[in-house]
N, C-alpha and C. Protein backbone atom coordinates (compact mmCIF):
# COMPACT_ATOMS: atom_id res chain seq x y z
N MET A 1 25.36 -127.28 262.68
CA MET A 1 24.00 -126.77 262.65
C MET A 1 23.96 -125.44 263.41
N LYS A 2 23.28 -124.48 262.82
CA LYS A 2 23.20 -123.15 263.40
C LYS A 2 22.30 -123.15 264.64
N THR A 3 22.73 -122.44 265.68
CA THR A 3 21.96 -122.32 266.91
C THR A 3 21.59 -120.86 267.12
N TYR A 4 20.32 -120.61 267.41
CA TYR A 4 19.82 -119.27 267.70
C TYR A 4 19.81 -119.10 269.21
N LEU A 5 20.66 -118.24 269.72
CA LEU A 5 20.79 -118.00 271.16
C LEU A 5 19.86 -116.87 271.57
N ILE A 6 19.01 -117.14 272.56
CA ILE A 6 18.04 -116.15 273.03
C ILE A 6 18.31 -115.89 274.51
N GLN A 7 18.69 -114.66 274.81
CA GLN A 7 18.93 -114.25 276.20
C GLN A 7 17.61 -113.73 276.76
N LEU A 8 17.03 -114.46 277.70
CA LEU A 8 15.79 -114.02 278.33
C LEU A 8 16.08 -112.93 279.35
N GLU A 9 15.12 -112.03 279.50
CA GLU A 9 15.23 -110.93 280.46
C GLU A 9 14.25 -111.19 281.61
N ASN A 10 14.46 -110.51 282.72
CA ASN A 10 13.60 -110.70 283.89
C ASN A 10 12.13 -110.36 283.61
N HIS A 11 11.87 -109.53 282.64
CA HIS A 11 10.49 -109.12 282.34
C HIS A 11 9.82 -110.00 281.28
N ASP A 12 10.53 -110.98 280.72
CA ASP A 12 9.96 -111.83 279.68
C ASP A 12 8.88 -112.74 280.24
N ASP A 13 7.87 -112.97 279.42
CA ASP A 13 6.83 -113.94 279.73
C ASP A 13 6.78 -114.93 278.57
N VAL A 14 5.83 -115.84 278.59
CA VAL A 14 5.76 -116.86 277.54
C VAL A 14 5.56 -116.23 276.17
N ILE A 15 4.74 -115.21 276.10
CA ILE A 15 4.45 -114.57 274.81
C ILE A 15 5.69 -113.91 274.23
N SER A 16 6.42 -113.16 275.04
CA SER A 16 7.62 -112.49 274.53
C SER A 16 8.70 -113.51 274.17
N ALA A 17 8.81 -114.59 274.94
CA ALA A 17 9.78 -115.64 274.63
C ALA A 17 9.41 -116.34 273.32
N ARG A 18 8.13 -116.59 273.11
CA ARG A 18 7.68 -117.20 271.85
C ARG A 18 7.99 -116.28 270.68
N ASP A 19 7.79 -114.97 270.86
CA ASP A 19 8.12 -114.02 269.80
C ASP A 19 9.60 -114.08 269.45
N LYS A 20 10.44 -114.11 270.48
CA LYS A 20 11.88 -114.18 270.25
C LYS A 20 12.26 -115.46 269.51
N ILE A 21 11.62 -116.56 269.85
CA ILE A 21 11.89 -117.83 269.17
C ILE A 21 11.49 -117.72 267.69
N SER A 22 10.37 -117.07 267.42
CA SER A 22 9.87 -116.94 266.05
C SER A 22 10.78 -116.07 265.18
N TRP A 23 11.50 -115.13 265.78
CA TRP A 23 12.37 -114.25 265.00
C TRP A 23 13.52 -115.01 264.35
N GLY A 24 14.02 -116.04 265.01
CA GLY A 24 15.14 -116.80 264.48
C GLY A 24 14.66 -117.89 263.54
N LYS A 25 15.47 -118.20 262.57
CA LYS A 25 15.10 -119.24 261.61
C LYS A 25 15.99 -120.47 261.76
N ALA A 26 16.72 -120.55 262.86
CA ALA A 26 17.63 -121.67 263.08
C ALA A 26 16.87 -122.91 263.49
N ARG A 27 17.46 -124.07 263.27
CA ARG A 27 16.85 -125.35 263.63
C ARG A 27 17.06 -125.70 265.10
N ARG A 28 17.96 -124.95 265.76
CA ARG A 28 18.21 -125.16 267.19
C ARG A 28 18.04 -123.83 267.91
N VAL A 29 17.34 -123.88 269.05
CA VAL A 29 17.10 -122.69 269.86
C VAL A 29 17.67 -122.93 271.25
N LEU A 30 18.48 -122.01 271.72
CA LEU A 30 19.07 -122.10 273.05
C LEU A 30 18.56 -120.92 273.88
N LEU A 31 17.72 -121.22 274.87
CA LEU A 31 17.17 -120.19 275.75
C LEU A 31 18.08 -120.04 276.96
N VAL A 32 18.55 -118.81 277.18
CA VAL A 32 19.46 -118.53 278.29
C VAL A 32 18.72 -117.70 279.33
N TRP A 33 18.56 -118.29 280.52
CA TRP A 33 17.88 -117.61 281.63
C TRP A 33 18.78 -116.55 282.23
N PRO A 34 18.21 -115.44 282.75
CA PRO A 34 19.02 -114.43 283.43
C PRO A 34 19.61 -115.00 284.72
N ARG A 35 20.74 -114.45 285.14
CA ARG A 35 21.43 -114.95 286.33
C ARG A 35 20.62 -114.73 287.61
N SER A 36 19.86 -113.65 287.64
CA SER A 36 19.06 -113.38 288.84
C SER A 36 17.61 -113.14 288.44
N GLY A 37 16.75 -113.23 289.38
CA GLY A 37 15.34 -113.03 289.11
C GLY A 37 14.64 -114.33 288.77
N LYS A 38 13.34 -114.26 288.71
CA LYS A 38 12.54 -115.44 288.39
C LYS A 38 11.78 -115.18 287.11
N VAL A 39 12.01 -116.03 286.14
CA VAL A 39 11.32 -115.89 284.86
C VAL A 39 11.00 -117.28 284.32
N LEU A 40 9.78 -117.48 283.90
CA LEU A 40 9.35 -118.72 283.26
C LEU A 40 9.75 -119.96 284.05
N GLU A 41 9.42 -119.99 285.32
CA GLU A 41 9.81 -121.11 286.17
C GLU A 41 8.74 -122.19 286.29
N ARG A 42 7.56 -121.93 285.76
CA ARG A 42 6.50 -122.93 285.87
C ARG A 42 6.64 -123.99 284.77
N ARG A 43 6.21 -125.19 285.08
CA ARG A 43 6.28 -126.29 284.12
C ARG A 43 5.49 -125.94 282.86
N VAL A 44 4.33 -125.35 283.02
CA VAL A 44 3.48 -125.02 281.87
C VAL A 44 4.17 -124.02 280.94
N ASP A 45 4.97 -123.10 281.49
CA ASP A 45 5.71 -122.15 280.65
C ASP A 45 6.68 -122.89 279.72
N LEU A 46 7.42 -123.83 280.29
CA LEU A 46 8.37 -124.60 279.49
C LEU A 46 7.66 -125.47 278.47
N LEU A 47 6.54 -126.03 278.87
CA LEU A 47 5.76 -126.87 277.97
C LEU A 47 5.27 -126.07 276.76
N LEU A 48 4.77 -124.87 277.00
CA LEU A 48 4.31 -124.02 275.90
C LEU A 48 5.45 -123.63 274.97
N LEU A 49 6.61 -123.31 275.53
CA LEU A 49 7.76 -122.96 274.69
C LEU A 49 8.25 -124.16 273.90
N MET A 50 8.26 -125.33 274.52
CA MET A 50 8.68 -126.55 273.84
C MET A 50 7.74 -126.85 272.67
N ARG A 51 6.45 -126.73 272.89
CA ARG A 51 5.48 -126.97 271.81
C ARG A 51 5.63 -125.97 270.68
N HIS A 52 5.90 -124.73 271.02
CA HIS A 52 6.10 -123.71 269.99
C HIS A 52 7.33 -124.06 269.14
N CYS A 53 8.40 -124.48 269.79
CA CYS A 53 9.60 -124.88 269.05
C CYS A 53 9.29 -126.07 268.14
N GLN A 54 8.55 -127.04 268.63
CA GLN A 54 8.19 -128.20 267.83
C GLN A 54 7.37 -127.79 266.61
N GLN A 55 6.48 -126.83 266.78
CA GLN A 55 5.66 -126.35 265.67
C GLN A 55 6.49 -125.67 264.60
N THR A 56 7.57 -125.01 265.03
CA THR A 56 8.44 -124.33 264.07
C THR A 56 9.53 -125.25 263.53
N GLY A 57 9.60 -126.48 264.04
CA GLY A 57 10.59 -127.44 263.57
C GLY A 57 11.95 -127.25 264.21
N ALA A 58 12.01 -126.59 265.34
CA ALA A 58 13.29 -126.33 266.01
C ALA A 58 13.45 -127.20 267.25
N GLN A 59 14.69 -127.50 267.57
CA GLN A 59 15.03 -128.18 268.82
C GLN A 59 15.30 -127.11 269.86
N MET A 60 14.86 -127.36 271.09
CA MET A 60 15.04 -126.38 272.16
C MET A 60 15.93 -126.94 273.25
N ALA A 61 16.83 -126.10 273.75
CA ALA A 61 17.66 -126.43 274.91
C ALA A 61 17.68 -125.21 275.81
N ILE A 62 18.11 -125.42 277.06
CA ILE A 62 18.06 -124.37 278.08
C ILE A 62 19.41 -124.22 278.76
N VAL A 63 19.76 -122.96 279.07
CA VAL A 63 20.91 -122.66 279.93
C VAL A 63 20.37 -121.93 281.14
N THR A 64 20.53 -122.55 282.31
CA THR A 64 20.01 -121.94 283.54
C THR A 64 20.74 -122.49 284.76
N ARG A 65 20.64 -121.75 285.83
CA ARG A 65 21.14 -122.21 287.13
C ARG A 65 19.99 -122.46 288.09
N SER A 66 18.79 -122.15 287.67
CA SER A 66 17.60 -122.31 288.50
C SER A 66 17.27 -123.80 288.67
N GLY A 67 17.24 -124.24 289.90
CA GLY A 67 16.92 -125.63 290.18
C GLY A 67 15.52 -126.00 289.74
N GLU A 68 14.58 -125.08 289.90
CA GLU A 68 13.20 -125.35 289.52
C GLU A 68 13.06 -125.50 288.00
N VAL A 69 13.71 -124.62 287.25
CA VAL A 69 13.66 -124.70 285.79
C VAL A 69 14.34 -125.99 285.32
N LYS A 70 15.49 -126.32 285.92
CA LYS A 70 16.18 -127.56 285.56
C LYS A 70 15.30 -128.77 285.80
N TYR A 71 14.63 -128.80 286.94
CA TYR A 71 13.77 -129.92 287.28
C TYR A 71 12.66 -130.11 286.25
N HIS A 72 11.95 -129.03 285.94
CA HIS A 72 10.84 -129.11 284.99
C HIS A 72 11.34 -129.45 283.59
N ALA A 73 12.47 -128.86 283.19
CA ALA A 73 13.01 -129.13 281.86
C ALA A 73 13.38 -130.61 281.71
N ARG A 74 14.05 -131.14 282.69
CA ARG A 74 14.44 -132.56 282.62
C ARG A 74 13.20 -133.45 282.61
N GLU A 75 12.20 -133.06 283.37
CA GLU A 75 10.94 -133.81 283.41
C GLU A 75 10.27 -133.84 282.03
N LEU A 76 10.43 -132.75 281.27
CA LEU A 76 9.84 -132.64 279.93
C LEU A 76 10.77 -133.15 278.83
N GLY A 77 11.99 -133.53 279.20
CA GLY A 77 12.94 -134.03 278.21
C GLY A 77 13.68 -132.94 277.44
N ILE A 78 13.74 -131.75 278.02
CA ILE A 78 14.44 -130.62 277.40
C ILE A 78 15.88 -130.64 277.90
N PRO A 79 16.87 -130.63 276.99
CA PRO A 79 18.27 -130.60 277.43
C PRO A 79 18.59 -129.33 278.23
N VAL A 80 19.36 -129.49 279.30
CA VAL A 80 19.72 -128.37 280.18
C VAL A 80 21.25 -128.30 280.29
N PHE A 81 21.78 -127.09 280.19
CA PHE A 81 23.22 -126.86 280.28
C PHE A 81 23.50 -125.75 281.28
N SER A 82 24.73 -125.74 281.78
CA SER A 82 25.14 -124.70 282.73
C SER A 82 25.63 -123.44 282.05
N THR A 83 26.21 -123.58 280.86
CA THR A 83 26.72 -122.43 280.11
C THR A 83 26.40 -122.59 278.63
N PRO A 84 26.35 -121.49 277.89
CA PRO A 84 26.12 -121.59 276.44
C PRO A 84 27.23 -122.39 275.73
N GLU A 85 28.44 -122.31 276.25
CA GLU A 85 29.56 -123.03 275.64
C GLU A 85 29.34 -124.54 275.72
N GLN A 86 28.80 -125.03 276.85
CA GLN A 86 28.52 -126.44 276.98
C GLN A 86 27.46 -126.89 275.98
N ALA A 87 26.52 -126.03 275.70
CA ALA A 87 25.44 -126.38 274.78
C ALA A 87 25.94 -126.47 273.33
N GLN A 88 26.96 -125.70 272.99
CA GLN A 88 27.49 -125.71 271.64
C GLN A 88 28.20 -127.00 271.37
């Protein structure tokens, strides 16, 4: 199954991340957080992205080292990986 890999930038917000998700037509979306900086760390941000993926019929997974993002993602049932290779 094809996976659409999205590299998030430090300046991304929910709207720009949703736009990036919409550009891909894959059934799986892998969001990769930047190594430094804080982006989309609130639970509501992840919830909105998860709902957007569900509306488009895509599965969403996350690659991050942020403890806060990992915590919220696991709480919402979103798969979390340490590297894109692990997600594949």
